[in-house]
Amino acid sequence: MADAEREFVEYVSARLPRLHRTAFLMCGDAHLADDVVQQTITALYVNWRRVSHADNVDAYVHRMLVHKLVDEKRLSWAKVRLLGWMPEPERPPVMPHDDDLAERDNLLAALARLPRGQRTVLVLRFLCDLSLADTAAAMGCSEGNVKSQTARALVTVRQVLDVPEMSGRNSR
């Protein structure tokens, strides 16, 4: 048991920043991303012996993350606020305008305009650098679905970011 726990801790420690980044890019909410990652890690711990023997542990964990995010979105209507008043929405801290920050903000805004499936495809394929097959496995859909979702998402992102259409096909 000690070896399995050590392997689990090593795995999670190495991938935690990437899981947080992936969850945030998929949902666009840092607090929700934290919750989803925590739920994923908890489920991973409970099932570690089985998951650690999977052919591709990372793809398995990405699929768990996608499922936890879908569950969170589906069940969010059932949450109860335990406050007698509604808090003011949090405002992000004001940061100096920098080209990198502006580019990041534009990308996040473009991702936020996409439907969940298209956003998830772009995050997994291009920001997490998963293969077509691994993305399809993580999302529980066909590779053809991943291709069509990617094509539609890229058209929308290009329109939002005002990027001209590229000539030729994207080989990814």
N, C-alpha and C. Protein backbone atom coordinates (compact mmCIF):
# COMPACT_ATOMS: atom_id res chain seq x y z
N MET A 1 0.83 -1.20 0.00
CA MET A 1 0.00 0.00 0.00
C MET A 1 0.87 1.26 0.00
N ALA A 2 1.97 1.23 0.72
CA ALA A 2 2.84 2.40 0.79
C ALA A 2 3.41 2.74 -0.59
N ASP A 3 3.75 1.73 -1.38
CA ASP A 3 4.27 1.97 -2.73
C ASP A 3 3.20 2.61 -3.62
N ALA A 4 1.97 2.13 -3.53
CA ALA A 4 0.88 2.69 -4.33
C ALA A 4 0.62 4.14 -3.94
N GLU A 5 0.64 4.43 -2.64
CA GLU A 5 0.42 5.81 -2.21
C GLU A 5 1.56 6.72 -2.67
N ARG A 6 2.79 6.21 -2.61
CA ARG A 6 3.93 7.01 -3.06
C ARG A 6 3.80 7.30 -4.56
N GLU A 7 3.42 6.28 -5.34
CA GLU A 7 3.23 6.48 -6.78
C GLU A 7 2.13 7.51 -7.04
N PHE A 8 1.04 7.42 -6.28
CA PHE A 8 -0.06 8.37 -6.44
C PHE A 8 0.41 9.79 -6.14
N VAL A 9 1.11 9.98 -5.03
CA VAL A 9 1.59 11.31 -4.65
C VAL A 9 2.55 11.85 -5.69
N GLU A 10 3.45 11.01 -6.19
CA GLU A 10 4.39 11.45 -7.23
C GLU A 10 3.65 11.85 -8.50
N TYR A 11 2.68 11.05 -8.89
CA TYR A 11 1.92 11.34 -10.10
C TYR A 11 1.18 12.67 -9.97
N VAL A 12 0.43 12.82 -8.87
CA VAL A 12 -0.36 14.03 -8.68
C VAL A 12 0.54 15.26 -8.53
N SER A 13 1.63 15.13 -7.79
CA SER A 13 2.54 16.27 -7.60
C SER A 13 3.10 16.75 -8.93
N ALA A 14 3.41 15.82 -9.81
CA ALA A 14 3.98 16.19 -11.10
C ALA A 14 2.95 16.82 -12.03
N ARG A 15 1.69 16.45 -11.88
CA ARG A 15 0.67 16.89 -12.85
C ARG A 15 -0.32 17.92 -12.32
N LEU A 16 -0.26 18.24 -11.07
CA LEU A 16 -1.24 19.15 -10.49
C LEU A 16 -1.32 20.50 -11.19
N PRO A 17 -0.20 21.18 -11.46
CA PRO A 17 -0.31 22.47 -12.17
C PRO A 17 -0.99 22.34 -13.53
N ARG A 18 -0.68 21.27 -14.25
CA ARG A 18 -1.28 21.08 -15.57
C ARG A 18 -2.77 20.78 -15.45
N LEU A 19 -3.16 20.01 -14.43
CA LEU A 19 -4.59 19.72 -14.23
C LEU A 19 -5.35 21.00 -13.90
N HIS A 20 -4.77 21.85 -13.05
CA HIS A 20 -5.42 23.13 -12.73
C HIS A 20 -5.57 24.00 -13.98
N ARG A 21 -4.51 24.07 -14.75
CA ARG A 21 -4.55 24.89 -15.97
C ARG A 21 -5.60 24.36 -16.94
N THR A 22 -5.63 23.05 -17.12
CA THR A 22 -6.59 22.43 -18.03
C THR A 22 -8.02 22.69 -17.56
N ALA A 23 -8.28 22.49 -16.28
CA ALA A 23 -9.63 22.70 -15.75
C ALA A 23 -10.03 24.16 -15.90
N PHE A 24 -9.12 25.08 -15.60
CA PHE A 24 -9.44 26.50 -15.73
C PHE A 24 -9.76 26.86 -17.18
N LEU A 25 -8.97 26.37 -18.10
CA LEU A 25 -9.21 26.69 -19.51
C LEU A 25 -10.51 26.09 -20.01
N MET A 26 -10.91 24.95 -19.44
CA MET A 26 -12.17 24.33 -19.87
C MET A 26 -13.38 25.05 -19.30
N CYS A 27 -13.27 25.58 -18.08
CA CYS A 27 -14.48 26.17 -17.47
C CYS A 27 -14.41 27.68 -17.33
N GLY A 28 -13.21 28.27 -17.35
CA GLY A 28 -13.08 29.72 -17.26
C GLY A 28 -13.30 30.31 -15.89
N ASP A 29 -13.34 29.48 -14.86
CA ASP A 29 -13.59 29.94 -13.49
C ASP A 29 -12.57 29.27 -12.57
N ALA A 30 -11.70 30.07 -11.95
CA ALA A 30 -10.62 29.53 -11.12
C ALA A 30 -11.15 28.73 -9.94
N HIS A 31 -12.22 29.21 -9.31
CA HIS A 31 -12.76 28.50 -8.15
C HIS A 31 -13.39 27.16 -8.56
N LEU A 32 -14.13 27.18 -9.64
CA LEU A 32 -14.72 25.94 -10.15
C LEU A 32 -13.63 24.97 -10.57
N ALA A 33 -12.58 25.48 -11.21
CA ALA A 33 -11.46 24.64 -11.62
C ALA A 33 -10.82 23.97 -10.41
N ASP A 34 -10.63 24.72 -9.32
CA ASP A 34 -10.07 24.13 -8.09
C ASP A 34 -10.96 23.00 -7.58
N ASP A 35 -12.26 23.24 -7.57
CA ASP A 35 -13.21 22.22 -7.09
C ASP A 35 -13.16 20.96 -7.95
N VAL A 36 -13.14 21.16 -9.26
CA VAL A 36 -13.15 20.02 -10.18
C VAL A 36 -11.85 19.23 -10.07
N VAL A 37 -10.73 19.92 -9.95
CA VAL A 37 -9.45 19.22 -9.80
C VAL A 37 -9.43 18.44 -8.49
N GLN A 38 -9.94 19.04 -7.43
CA GLN A 38 -9.99 18.33 -6.14
C GLN A 38 -10.87 17.08 -6.24
N GLN A 39 -12.00 17.20 -6.88
CA GLN A 39 -12.88 16.04 -7.06
C GLN A 39 -12.20 14.96 -7.90
N THR A 40 -11.48 15.39 -8.93
CA THR A 40 -10.78 14.44 -9.79
C THR A 40 -9.68 13.72 -9.02
N ILE A 41 -8.91 14.47 -8.23
CA ILE A 41 -7.83 13.85 -7.46
C ILE A 41 -8.38 12.90 -6.42
N THR A 42 -9.49 13.25 -5.80
CA THR A 42 -10.12 12.37 -4.82
C THR A 42 -10.56 11.07 -5.48
N ALA A 43 -11.23 11.18 -6.63
CA ALA A 43 -11.66 9.98 -7.36
C ALA A 43 -10.45 9.18 -7.83
N LEU A 44 -9.40 9.87 -8.22
CA LEU A 44 -8.19 9.19 -8.65
C LEU A 44 -7.56 8.40 -7.50
N TYR A 45 -7.54 8.99 -6.32
CA TYR A 45 -6.99 8.30 -5.14
C TYR A 45 -7.78 7.03 -4.84
N VAL A 46 -9.09 7.14 -4.87
CA VAL A 46 -9.95 6.00 -4.57
C VAL A 46 -9.73 4.87 -5.58
N ASN A 47 -9.48 5.23 -6.83
CA ASN A 47 -9.34 4.23 -7.90
C ASN A 47 -7.90 4.05 -8.39
N TRP A 48 -6.92 4.50 -7.61
CA TRP A 48 -5.54 4.54 -8.08
C TRP A 48 -5.01 3.19 -8.55
N ARG A 49 -5.30 2.13 -7.83
CA ARG A 49 -4.76 0.82 -8.23
C ARG A 49 -5.21 0.45 -9.64
N ARG A 50 -6.46 0.67 -9.96
CA ARG A 50 -6.97 0.35 -11.29
C ARG A 50 -6.44 1.34 -12.32
N VAL A 51 -6.46 2.63 -11.99
CA VAL A 51 -6.03 3.66 -12.94
C VAL A 51 -4.55 3.53 -13.24
N SER A 52 -3.74 3.22 -12.25
CA SER A 52 -2.29 3.15 -12.46
C SER A 52 -1.89 2.03 -13.42
N HIS A 53 -2.79 1.09 -13.67
CA HIS A 53 -2.51 0.01 -14.61
C HIS A 53 -3.07 0.28 -16.00
N ALA A 54 -3.66 1.44 -16.20
CA ALA A 54 -4.20 1.80 -17.51
C ALA A 54 -3.06 2.00 -18.51
N ASP A 55 -3.37 1.80 -19.78
CA ASP A 55 -2.36 1.99 -20.83
C ASP A 55 -1.85 3.42 -20.87
N ASN A 56 -2.74 4.39 -20.69
CA ASN A 56 -2.37 5.80 -20.72
C ASN A 56 -3.03 6.49 -19.52
N VAL A 57 -2.30 6.60 -18.44
CA VAL A 57 -2.85 7.16 -17.20
C VAL A 57 -3.27 8.62 -17.40
N ASP A 58 -2.46 9.38 -18.12
CA ASP A 58 -2.80 10.79 -18.35
C ASP A 58 -4.13 10.94 -19.08
N ALA A 59 -4.35 10.14 -20.12
CA ALA A 59 -5.61 10.21 -20.85
C ALA A 59 -6.77 9.82 -19.95
N TYR A 60 -6.56 8.82 -19.11
CA TYR A 60 -7.59 8.38 -18.17
C TYR A 60 -7.94 9.52 -17.21
N VAL A 61 -6.93 10.19 -16.69
CA VAL A 61 -7.16 11.29 -15.74
C VAL A 61 -7.83 12.47 -16.44
N HIS A 62 -7.45 12.75 -17.68
CA HIS A 62 -8.12 13.83 -18.42
C HIS A 62 -9.60 13.50 -18.60
N ARG A 63 -9.89 12.23 -18.88
CA ARG A 63 -11.30 11.84 -19.03
C ARG A 63 -12.04 12.02 -17.70
N MET A 64 -11.39 11.66 -16.59
CA MET A 64 -12.01 11.87 -15.28
C MET A 64 -12.29 13.36 -15.05
N LEU A 65 -11.33 14.20 -15.43
CA LEU A 65 -11.48 15.65 -15.26
C LEU A 65 -12.66 16.17 -16.08
N VAL A 66 -12.78 15.74 -17.32
CA VAL A 66 -13.90 16.16 -18.17
C VAL A 66 -15.22 15.72 -17.55
N HIS A 67 -15.27 14.47 -17.07
CA HIS A 67 -16.51 13.96 -16.46
C HIS A 67 -16.86 14.74 -15.20
N LYS A 68 -15.88 15.07 -14.38
CA LYS A 68 -16.14 15.84 -13.15
C LYS A 68 -16.65 17.24 -13.49
N LEU A 69 -16.10 17.84 -14.54
CA LEU A 69 -16.57 19.16 -14.95
C LEU A 69 -18.00 19.09 -15.45
N VAL A 70 -18.31 18.09 -16.24
CA VAL A 70 -19.69 17.92 -16.72
C VAL A 70 -20.63 17.69 -15.54
N ASP A 71 -20.23 16.84 -14.59
CA ASP A 71 -21.05 16.60 -13.40
C ASP A 71 -21.28 17.90 -12.63
N GLU A 72 -20.23 18.68 -12.48
CA GLU A 72 -20.33 19.94 -11.73
C GLU A 72 -21.30 20.90 -12.41
N LYS A 73 -21.21 21.00 -13.71
CA LYS A 73 -22.11 21.89 -14.46
C LYS A 73 -23.55 21.38 -14.39
N ARG A 74 -23.72 20.07 -14.50
CA ARG A 74 -25.06 19.49 -14.49
C ARG A 74 -25.72 19.65 -13.13
N LEU A 75 -24.96 19.52 -12.06
CA LEU A 75 -25.52 19.54 -10.72
C LEU A 75 -25.47 20.92 -10.06
N SER A 76 -24.97 21.92 -10.76
CA SER A 76 -24.80 23.24 -10.14
C SER A 76 -26.12 23.87 -9.72
N TRP A 77 -27.21 23.49 -10.37
CA TRP A 77 -28.51 24.06 -10.01
C TRP A 77 -28.94 23.63 -8.61
N ALA A 78 -28.38 22.54 -8.09
CA ALA A 78 -28.81 22.01 -6.79
C ALA A 78 -28.03 22.61 -5.63
N LYS A 79 -27.06 23.49 -5.89
CA LYS A 79 -26.25 24.05 -4.82
C LYS A 79 -27.04 25.11 -4.06
N VAL A 80 -26.78 25.19 -2.78
CA VAL A 80 -27.48 26.13 -1.91
C VAL A 80 -26.48 27.14 -1.38
N ARG A 81 -26.85 28.40 -1.43
CA ARG A 81 -26.02 29.44 -0.83
C ARG A 81 -26.42 29.57 0.63
N LEU A 82 -25.44 29.55 1.51
CA LEU A 82 -25.70 29.61 2.93
C LEU A 82 -25.51 31.01 3.49
N LEU A 83 -25.67 32.01 2.66
CA LEU A 83 -25.52 33.39 3.09
C LEU A 83 -26.89 34.06 3.13
N GLY A 84 -27.05 35.00 4.02
CA GLY A 84 -28.28 35.76 4.08
C GLY A 84 -28.28 36.89 3.08
N TRP A 85 -27.20 37.04 2.34
CA TRP A 85 -27.06 38.12 1.37
C TRP A 85 -26.23 37.59 0.21
N MET A 86 -26.35 38.25 -0.91
CA MET A 86 -25.56 37.85 -2.07
C MET A 86 -24.28 38.66 -2.11
N PRO A 87 -23.14 38.00 -2.18
CA PRO A 87 -21.87 38.74 -2.24
C PRO A 87 -21.70 39.44 -3.57
N GLU A 88 -20.92 40.50 -3.55
CA GLU A 88 -20.57 41.20 -4.79
C GLU A 88 -19.70 40.27 -5.63
N PRO A 89 -19.86 40.30 -6.93
CA PRO A 89 -18.99 39.46 -7.76
C PRO A 89 -17.53 39.89 -7.58
N GLU A 90 -16.66 38.91 -7.58
CA GLU A 90 -15.23 39.22 -7.43
C GLU A 90 -14.73 39.88 -8.69
N ARG A 91 -13.93 40.88 -8.50
CA ARG A 91 -13.31 41.56 -9.62
C ARG A 91 -11.85 41.12 -9.67
N PRO A 92 -11.37 40.80 -10.86
CA PRO A 92 -9.97 40.40 -10.95
C PRO A 92 -9.06 41.58 -10.61
N PRO A 93 -7.91 41.32 -10.03
CA PRO A 93 -7.01 42.42 -9.70
C PRO A 93 -6.56 43.15 -10.96
N VAL A 94 -6.39 44.44 -10.83
CA VAL A 94 -5.94 45.25 -11.96
C VAL A 94 -4.45 45.00 -12.14
N MET A 95 -4.09 44.63 -13.34
CA MET A 95 -2.69 44.34 -13.64
C MET A 95 -2.25 45.27 -14.75
N PRO A 96 -0.97 45.55 -14.80
CA PRO A 96 -0.48 46.41 -15.88
C PRO A 96 -0.72 45.74 -17.23
N HIS A 97 -1.06 46.56 -18.22
CA HIS A 97 -1.31 46.01 -19.56
C HIS A 97 0.01 45.64 -20.20
N ASP A 98 0.06 44.45 -20.61
CA ASP A 98 1.25 43.90 -21.22
C ASP A 98 0.77 43.10 -22.42
N ASP A 99 1.58 43.01 -23.45
CA ASP A 99 1.15 42.29 -24.65
C ASP A 99 0.79 40.84 -24.33
N ASP A 100 1.58 40.20 -23.46
CA ASP A 100 1.29 38.80 -23.11
C ASP A 100 -0.03 38.68 -22.36
N LEU A 101 -0.27 39.61 -21.44
CA LEU A 101 -1.53 39.57 -20.68
C LEU A 101 -2.72 39.84 -21.59
N ALA A 102 -2.56 40.78 -22.49
CA ALA A 102 -3.65 41.09 -23.42
C ALA A 102 -3.94 39.89 -24.32
N GLU A 103 -2.89 39.24 -24.78
CA GLU A 103 -3.08 38.07 -25.63
C GLU A 103 -3.77 36.95 -24.85
N ARG A 104 -3.34 36.74 -23.60
CA ARG A 104 -3.96 35.71 -22.77
C ARG A 104 -5.43 36.03 -22.53
N ASP A 105 -5.72 37.28 -22.21
CA ASP A 105 -7.10 37.68 -21.96
C ASP A 105 -7.97 37.50 -23.20
N ASN A 106 -7.42 37.84 -24.36
CA ASN A 106 -8.16 37.66 -25.61
C ASN A 106 -8.44 36.18 -25.87
N LEU A 107 -7.45 35.34 -25.59
CA LEU A 107 -7.64 33.90 -25.79
C LEU A 107 -8.69 33.36 -24.82
N LEU A 108 -8.63 33.78 -23.56
CA LEU A 108 -9.63 33.33 -22.58
C LEU A 108 -11.03 33.81 -22.97
N ALA A 109 -11.13 35.02 -23.47
CA ALA A 109 -12.43 35.54 -23.91
C ALA A 109 -12.95 34.74 -25.10
N ALA A 110 -12.06 34.39 -26.01
CA ALA A 110 -12.47 33.59 -27.17
C ALA A 110 -12.92 32.20 -26.73
N LEU A 111 -12.18 31.59 -25.81
CA LEU A 111 -12.58 30.27 -25.30
C LEU A 111 -13.92 30.33 -24.58
N ALA A 112 -14.16 31.41 -23.87
CA ALA A 112 -15.41 31.55 -23.11
C ALA A 112 -16.63 31.63 -24.04
N ARG A 113 -16.43 32.07 -25.27
CA ARG A 113 -17.55 32.20 -26.21
C ARG A 113 -17.91 30.88 -26.87
N LEU A 114 -17.07 29.86 -26.67
CA LEU A 114 -17.32 28.57 -27.31
C LEU A 114 -18.24 27.70 -26.45
N PRO A 115 -19.02 26.83 -27.10
CA PRO A 115 -19.76 25.83 -26.34
C PRO A 115 -18.77 24.90 -25.62
N ARG A 116 -19.21 24.27 -24.56
CA ARG A 116 -18.34 23.45 -23.71
C ARG A 116 -17.55 22.40 -24.50
N GLY A 117 -18.19 21.70 -25.42
CA GLY A 117 -17.50 20.66 -26.18
C GLY A 117 -16.38 21.21 -27.04
N GLN A 118 -16.64 22.32 -27.72
CA GLN A 118 -15.61 22.93 -28.57
C GLN A 118 -14.46 23.47 -27.72
N ARG A 119 -14.78 24.08 -26.60
CA ARG A 119 -13.74 24.60 -25.70
C ARG A 119 -12.88 23.46 -25.18
N THR A 120 -13.53 22.37 -24.78
CA THR A 120 -12.79 21.21 -24.26
C THR A 120 -11.87 20.63 -25.32
N VAL A 121 -12.34 20.53 -26.56
CA VAL A 121 -11.52 20.00 -27.64
C VAL A 121 -10.27 20.86 -27.83
N LEU A 122 -10.43 22.17 -27.89
CA LEU A 122 -9.27 23.04 -28.11
C LEU A 122 -8.28 22.97 -26.95
N VAL A 123 -8.80 22.95 -25.74
CA VAL A 123 -7.91 22.88 -24.57
C VAL A 123 -7.12 21.57 -24.59
N LEU A 124 -7.81 20.46 -24.79
CA LEU A 124 -7.11 19.17 -24.77
C LEU A 124 -6.15 19.01 -25.94
N ARG A 125 -6.58 19.40 -27.14
CA ARG A 125 -5.74 19.20 -28.33
C ARG A 125 -4.55 20.15 -28.39
N PHE A 126 -4.79 21.43 -28.16
CA PHE A 126 -3.73 22.40 -28.43
C PHE A 126 -3.04 22.93 -27.19
N LEU A 127 -3.72 23.02 -26.08
CA LEU A 127 -3.08 23.53 -24.88
C LEU A 127 -2.51 22.41 -24.02
N CYS A 128 -3.14 21.23 -24.05
CA CYS A 128 -2.60 20.07 -23.33
C CYS A 128 -1.81 19.16 -24.27
N ASP A 129 -1.87 19.44 -25.56
CA ASP A 129 -1.12 18.71 -26.58
C ASP A 129 -1.44 17.22 -26.62
N LEU A 130 -2.73 16.89 -26.43
CA LEU A 130 -3.14 15.50 -26.56
C LEU A 130 -3.34 15.15 -28.03
N SER A 131 -3.12 13.90 -28.34
CA SER A 131 -3.34 13.44 -29.71
C SER A 131 -4.84 13.40 -30.00
N LEU A 132 -5.17 13.21 -31.25
CA LEU A 132 -6.56 13.09 -31.66
C LEU A 132 -7.23 11.93 -30.92
N ALA A 133 -6.56 10.78 -30.88
CA ALA A 133 -7.12 9.60 -30.23
C ALA A 133 -7.28 9.82 -28.72
N ASP A 134 -6.29 10.43 -28.08
CA ASP A 134 -6.37 10.67 -26.64
C ASP A 134 -7.47 11.68 -26.30
N THR A 135 -7.64 12.68 -27.16
CA THR A 135 -8.71 13.65 -26.94
C THR A 135 -10.07 12.98 -27.06
N ALA A 136 -10.22 12.15 -28.08
CA ALA A 136 -11.49 11.42 -28.26
C ALA A 136 -11.76 10.52 -27.06
N ALA A 137 -10.72 9.85 -26.57
CA ALA A 137 -10.88 8.97 -25.40
C ALA A 137 -11.25 9.77 -24.16
N ALA A 138 -10.60 10.92 -23.97
CA ALA A 138 -10.89 11.75 -22.79
C ALA A 138 -12.31 12.29 -22.82
N MET A 139 -12.81 12.59 -24.01
CA MET A 139 -14.15 13.15 -24.14
C MET A 139 -15.23 12.08 -24.30
N GLY A 140 -14.80 10.85 -24.55
CA GLY A 140 -15.77 9.77 -24.73
C GLY A 140 -16.55 9.90 -26.03
N CYS A 141 -15.84 10.30 -27.10
CA CYS A 141 -16.50 10.47 -28.39
C CYS A 141 -15.59 9.95 -29.49
N SER A 142 -16.03 10.03 -30.73
CA SER A 142 -15.24 9.54 -31.86
C SER A 142 -14.19 10.56 -32.27
N GLU A 143 -13.19 10.09 -33.00
CA GLU A 143 -12.17 11.00 -33.53
C GLU A 143 -12.79 11.96 -34.54
N GLY A 144 -13.77 11.50 -35.29
CA GLY A 144 -14.45 12.37 -36.24
C GLY A 144 -15.16 13.52 -35.54
N ASN A 145 -15.76 13.23 -34.38
CA ASN A 145 -16.40 14.27 -33.59
C ASN A 145 -15.37 15.29 -33.12
N VAL A 146 -14.21 14.81 -32.69
CA VAL A 146 -13.14 15.72 -32.25
C VAL A 146 -12.71 16.61 -33.42
N LYS A 147 -12.57 16.04 -34.61
CA LYS A 147 -12.16 16.82 -35.78
C LYS A 147 -13.19 17.89 -36.12
N SER A 148 -14.47 17.52 -36.12
CA SER A 148 -15.49 18.51 -36.49
C SER A 148 -15.63 19.58 -35.42
N GLN A 149 -15.56 19.19 -34.15
CA GLN A 149 -15.62 20.19 -33.06
C GLN A 149 -14.42 21.14 -33.15
N THR A 150 -13.26 20.59 -33.47
CA THR A 150 -12.05 21.42 -33.60
C THR A 150 -12.21 22.42 -34.74
N ALA A 151 -12.68 21.95 -35.87
CA ALA A 151 -12.84 22.84 -37.03
C ALA A 151 -13.81 23.98 -36.71
N ARG A 152 -14.96 23.65 -36.12
CA ARG A 152 -15.94 24.69 -35.78
C ARG A 152 -15.38 25.66 -34.74
N ALA A 153 -14.67 25.12 -33.75
CA ALA A 153 -14.12 25.97 -32.70
C ALA A 153 -13.07 26.93 -33.25
N LEU A 154 -12.23 26.43 -34.13
CA LEU A 154 -11.18 27.28 -34.71
C LEU A 154 -11.78 28.41 -35.55
N VAL A 155 -12.86 28.12 -36.27
CA VAL A 155 -13.52 29.18 -37.05
C VAL A 155 -14.02 30.27 -36.10
N THR A 156 -14.67 29.88 -35.02
CA THR A 156 -15.19 30.86 -34.06
C THR A 156 -14.07 31.65 -33.40
N VAL A 157 -13.02 30.96 -32.98
CA VAL A 157 -11.90 31.65 -32.31
C VAL A 157 -11.23 32.62 -33.26
N ARG A 158 -11.05 32.21 -34.51
CA ARG A 158 -10.45 33.13 -35.49
C ARG A 158 -11.31 34.37 -35.69
N GLN A 159 -12.64 34.19 -35.69
CA GLN A 159 -13.53 35.34 -35.85
C GLN A 159 -13.43 36.26 -34.63
N VAL A 160 -13.44 35.69 -33.44
CA VAL A 160 -13.37 36.49 -32.22
C VAL A 160 -12.05 37.24 -32.13
N LEU A 161 -10.96 36.56 -32.47
CA LEU A 161 -9.63 37.17 -32.38
C LEU A 161 -9.27 37.96 -33.63
N ASP A 162 -10.16 37.96 -34.63
CA ASP A 162 -9.94 38.68 -35.88
C ASP A 162 -8.65 38.22 -36.56
N VAL A 163 -8.51 36.89 -36.63
CA VAL A 163 -7.35 36.28 -37.28
C VAL A 163 -7.82 35.76 -38.63
N PRO A 164 -7.12 36.10 -39.71
CA PRO A 164 -7.55 35.63 -41.03
C PRO A 164 -7.44 34.11 -41.13
N GLU A 165 -8.30 33.54 -41.95
CA GLU A 165 -8.31 32.10 -42.19
C GLU A 165 -6.98 31.70 -42.82
N MET A 166 -6.42 30.58 -42.32
CA MET A 166 -5.15 30.09 -42.85
C MET A 166 -5.41 29.32 -44.14
N SER A 167 -4.49 29.45 -45.09
CA SER A 167 -4.65 28.66 -46.32
C SER A 167 -4.09 27.26 -46.08
N GLY A 168 -4.71 26.29 -46.68
CA GLY A 168 -4.28 24.90 -46.47
C GLY A 168 -4.93 24.34 -45.24
N ARG A 169 -4.71 23.03 -44.99
CA ARG A 169 -5.32 22.37 -43.85
C ARG A 169 -4.36 22.32 -42.69
N ASN A 170 -4.91 22.35 -41.50
CA ASN A 170 -4.12 22.19 -40.29
C ASN A 170 -3.82 20.71 -40.14
N SER A 171 -2.57 20.32 -40.01
CA SER A 171 -2.18 18.92 -39.99
C SER A 171 -2.34 18.27 -38.64
N ARG A 172 -2.70 19.02 -37.64
CA ARG A 172 -2.86 18.45 -36.31
C ARG A 172 -4.12 17.69 -36.30
